[in-house]
Amino acid sequence: MSTQADHGHELIPRPQQTPDALRAALAAVDPARLEEMQATKDEAFAKAVEWQSLSPVRSWVLTWARDIEIARRPDLSTRNARAKGNLEHEDPAIAQEALRELAVSWTKP
């Protein structure tokens, strides 16, 4: 049984944080971004070799895990889109709230 919190409707289960699992999940929830994913993966692996560090690969995994988490949950996707749309709102309080909302949604899967 899963110990994940109930976040409402989920389009797909949360994938493992591996390149293959993330790719399969993205293909299910946002296939238009597969080319972008591959390009950023290539960049991350090239940097990992250049820097002799796995940090770029870890960062790539976390970035795509976050984006897939948002895309697989319609409630979170809607909140995220609304917040992004309000980032440059003329009312500073609304823009600040949008920034807060994005910080929360990007740090809590």
C-alpha atoms as a PDB file:
ATOM      1  CA  MET A   1       0.000   0.000   0.000  1.00  0.00           C
ATOM      2  CA  SER A   2       1.264   3.477  -0.854  1.00  0.00           C
ATOM      3  CA  THR A   3       2.142   5.974   1.848  1.00  0.00           C
ATOM      4  CA  GLN A   4       1.781   8.935  -0.515  1.00  0.00           C
ATOM      5  CA  ALA A   5      -0.538  11.722   0.517  1.00  0.00           C
ATOM      6  CA  ASP A   6      -3.862  11.945  -1.307  1.00  0.00           C
ATOM      7  CA  HIS A   7      -3.496  14.718  -3.880  1.00  0.00           C
ATOM      8  CA  GLY A   8      -6.713  14.088  -5.761  1.00  0.00           C
ATOM      9  CA  HIS A   9      -6.789  12.681  -9.265  1.00  0.00           C
ATOM     10  CA  GLU A  10      -3.441  11.532 -10.674  1.00  0.00           C
ATOM     11  CA  LEU A  11      -3.094  10.807 -14.389  1.00  0.00           C
ATOM     12  CA  ILE A  12      -0.351   8.240 -13.791  1.00  0.00           C
ATOM     13  CA  PRO A  13       1.430   6.868 -10.714  1.00  0.00           C
ATOM     14  CA  ARG A  14       4.508   8.758  -9.526  1.00  0.00           C
ATOM     15  CA  PRO A  15       7.470   7.369 -11.491  1.00  0.00           C
ATOM     16  CA  GLN A  16      10.764   6.258 -10.045  1.00  0.00           C
ATOM     17  CA  GLN A  17      13.483   8.845 -10.345  1.00  0.00           C
ATOM     18  CA  THR A  18      15.415   7.121 -13.129  1.00  0.00           C
ATOM     19  CA  PRO A  19      15.912   8.433 -16.665  1.00  0.00           C
ATOM     20  CA  ASP A  20      13.891   5.616 -18.247  1.00  0.00           C
ATOM     21  CA  ALA A  21      11.001   5.891 -15.778  1.00  0.00           C
ATOM     22  CA  LEU A  22      10.892   9.671 -16.102  1.00  0.00           C
ATOM     23  CA  ARG A  23      10.924   9.437 -19.898  1.00  0.00           C
ATOM     24  CA  ALA A  24       8.047   6.943 -19.899  1.00  0.00           C
ATOM     25  CA  ALA A  25       6.065   9.139 -17.511  1.00  0.00           C
ATOM     26  CA  LEU A  26       6.653  12.251 -19.604  1.00  0.00           C
ATOM     27  CA  ALA A  27       5.543  10.350 -22.713  1.00  0.00           C
ATOM     28  CA  ALA A  28       2.250   9.699 -20.923  1.00  0.00           C
ATOM     29  CA  VAL A  29       1.573  13.166 -19.481  1.00  0.00           C
ATOM     30  CA  ASP A  30       3.321  15.648 -21.808  1.00  0.00           C
ATOM     31  CA  PRO A  31       4.815  13.959 -24.903  1.00  0.00           C
ATOM     32  CA  ALA A  32       5.424  17.311 -26.610  1.00  0.00           C
ATOM     33  CA  ARG A  33       8.308  17.866 -24.152  1.00  0.00           C
ATOM     34  CA  LEU A  34      10.212  14.626 -24.934  1.00  0.00           C
ATOM     35  CA  GLU A  35      12.636  16.381 -27.271  1.00  0.00           C
ATOM     36  CA  GLU A  36      13.338  19.035 -24.614  1.00  0.00           C
ATOM     37  CA  MET A  37      13.912  16.301 -22.043  1.00  0.00           C
ATOM     38  CA  GLN A  38      16.424  14.525 -24.273  1.00  0.00           C
ATOM     39  CA  ALA A  39      18.298  17.761 -25.016  1.00  0.00           C
ATOM     40  CA  THR A  40      18.591  18.677 -21.343  1.00  0.00           C
ATOM     41  CA  LYS A  41      19.634  15.101 -20.524  1.00  0.00           C
ATOM     42  CA  ASP A  42      22.412  15.268 -23.119  1.00  0.00           C
ATOM     43  CA  GLU A  43      23.572  18.591 -21.636  1.00  0.00           C
ATOM     44  CA  ALA A  44      23.504  17.201 -18.092  1.00  0.00           C
ATOM     45  CA  PHE A  45      25.524  14.125 -19.012  1.00  0.00           C
ATOM     46  CA  ALA A  46      28.058  16.225 -20.944  1.00  0.00           C
ATOM     47  CA  LYS A  47      28.492  18.525 -17.922  1.00  0.00           C
ATOM     48  CA  ALA A  48      28.819  15.492 -15.631  1.00  0.00           C
ATOM     49  CA  VAL A  49      31.724  14.224 -17.720  1.00  0.00           C
ATOM     50  CA  GLU A  50      33.308  17.675 -18.000  1.00  0.00           C
ATOM     51  CA  TRP A  51      32.946  18.432 -14.282  1.00  0.00           C
ATOM     52  CA  GLN A  52      33.653  14.854 -13.182  1.00  0.00           C
ATOM     53  CA  SER A  53      30.577  15.109 -10.988  1.00  0.00           C
ATOM     54  CA  LEU A  54      27.136  13.558 -10.891  1.00  0.00           C
ATOM     55  CA  SER A  55      25.596  16.854  -9.754  1.00  0.00           C
ATOM     56  CA  PRO A  56      24.318  17.823 -13.224  1.00  0.00           C
ATOM     57  CA  VAL A  57      22.650  14.431 -13.622  1.00  0.00           C
ATOM     58  CA  ARG A  58      21.052  14.639 -10.172  1.00  0.00           C
ATOM     59  CA  SER A  59      19.804  18.126 -10.996  1.00  0.00           C
ATOM     60  CA  TRP A  60      18.354  16.875 -14.289  1.00  0.00           C
ATOM     61  CA  VAL A  61      16.509  14.041 -12.526  1.00  0.00           C
ATOM     62  CA  LEU A  62      15.084  16.369  -9.862  1.00  0.00           C
ATOM     63  CA  THR A  63      14.011  18.971 -12.421  1.00  0.00           C
ATOM     64  CA  TRP A  64      12.151  16.448 -14.556  1.00  0.00           C
ATOM     65  CA  ALA A  65      10.691  14.643 -11.537  1.00  0.00           C
ATOM     66  CA  ARG A  66       9.254  18.009 -10.453  1.00  0.00           C
ATOM     67  CA  ASP A  67       7.856  18.830 -13.894  1.00  0.00           C
ATOM     68  CA  ILE A  68       6.308  15.378 -14.237  1.00  0.00           C
ATOM     69  CA  GLU A  69       4.842  15.585 -10.729  1.00  0.00           C
ATOM     70  CA  ILE A  70       3.097  18.798 -11.748  1.00  0.00           C
ATOM     71  CA  ALA A  71       1.935  17.424 -15.113  1.00  0.00           C
ATOM     72  CA  ARG A  72       0.577  14.141 -13.705  1.00  0.00           C
ATOM     73  CA  ARG A  73      -1.667  15.939 -11.184  1.00  0.00           C
ATOM     74  CA  PRO A  74      -4.304  18.171 -12.813  1.00  0.00           C
ATOM     75  CA  ASP A  75      -4.938  20.049  -9.543  1.00  0.00           C
ATOM     76  CA  LEU A  76      -1.279  20.955  -9.189  1.00  0.00           C
ATOM     77  CA  SER A  77      -0.930  21.697 -12.899  1.00  0.00           C
ATOM     78  CA  THR A  78      -3.826  24.172 -12.729  1.00  0.00           C
ATOM     79  CA  ARG A  79      -2.440  25.874  -9.606  1.00  0.00           C
ATOM     80  CA  ASN A  80       1.015  26.042 -11.165  1.00  0.00           C
ATOM     81  CA  ALA A  81      -0.263  27.583 -14.412  1.00  0.00           C
ATOM     82  CA  ARG A  82      -2.349  30.147 -12.514  1.00  0.00           C
ATOM     83  CA  ALA A  83       0.614  31.096 -10.321  1.00  0.00           C
ATOM     84  CA  LYS A  84       2.947  31.453 -13.327  1.00  0.00           C
ATOM     85  CA  GLY A  85       0.367  33.692 -14.958  1.00  0.00           C
ATOM     86  CA  ASN A  86       0.271  35.936 -11.891  1.00  0.00           C
ATOM     87  CA  LEU A  87       4.036  36.332 -11.423  1.00  0.00           C
ATOM     88  CA  GLU A  88       4.042  39.707 -13.171  1.00  0.00           C
ATOM     89  CA  HIS A  89       0.665  40.874 -11.898  1.00  0.00           C
ATOM     90  CA  GLU A  90       0.349  44.637 -11.376  1.00  0.00           C
ATOM     91  CA  ASP A  91      -0.698  44.037  -7.769  1.00  0.00           C
ATOM     92  CA  PRO A  92       2.511  43.197  -5.854  1.00  0.00           C
ATOM     93  CA  ALA A  93       0.570  41.165  -3.286  1.00  0.00           C
ATOM     94  CA  ILE A  94      -0.814  38.889  -6.025  1.00  0.00           C
ATOM     95  CA  ALA A  95       2.629  38.529  -7.613  1.00  0.00           C
ATOM     96  CA  GLN A  96       4.143  37.699  -4.215  1.00  0.00           C
ATOM     97  CA  GLU A  97       1.438  35.102  -3.552  1.00  0.00           C
ATOM     98  CA  ALA A  98       2.113  33.565  -6.970  1.00  0.00           C
ATOM     99  CA  LEU A  99       5.808  33.313  -6.154  1.00  0.00           C
ATOM    100  CA  ARG A 100       4.983  31.679  -2.821  1.00  0.00           C
ATOM    101  CA  GLU A 101       2.630  29.224  -4.497  1.00  0.00           C
ATOM    102  CA  LEU A 102       5.290  28.230  -7.018  1.00  0.00           C
ATOM    103  CA  ALA A 103       7.886  27.763  -4.296  1.00  0.00           C
ATOM    104  CA  VAL A 104       5.523  25.473  -2.405  1.00  0.00           C
ATOM    105  CA  SER A 105       4.431  23.468  -5.438  1.00  0.00           C
ATOM    106  CA  TRP A 106       8.023  22.999  -6.621  1.00  0.00           C
ATOM    107  CA  THR A 107       9.306  21.749  -3.278  1.00  0.00           C
ATOM    108  CA  LYS A 108       6.451  19.467  -2.160  1.00  0.00           C
ATOM    109  CA  PRO A 109       5.666  16.591  -4.515  1.00  0.00           C
END
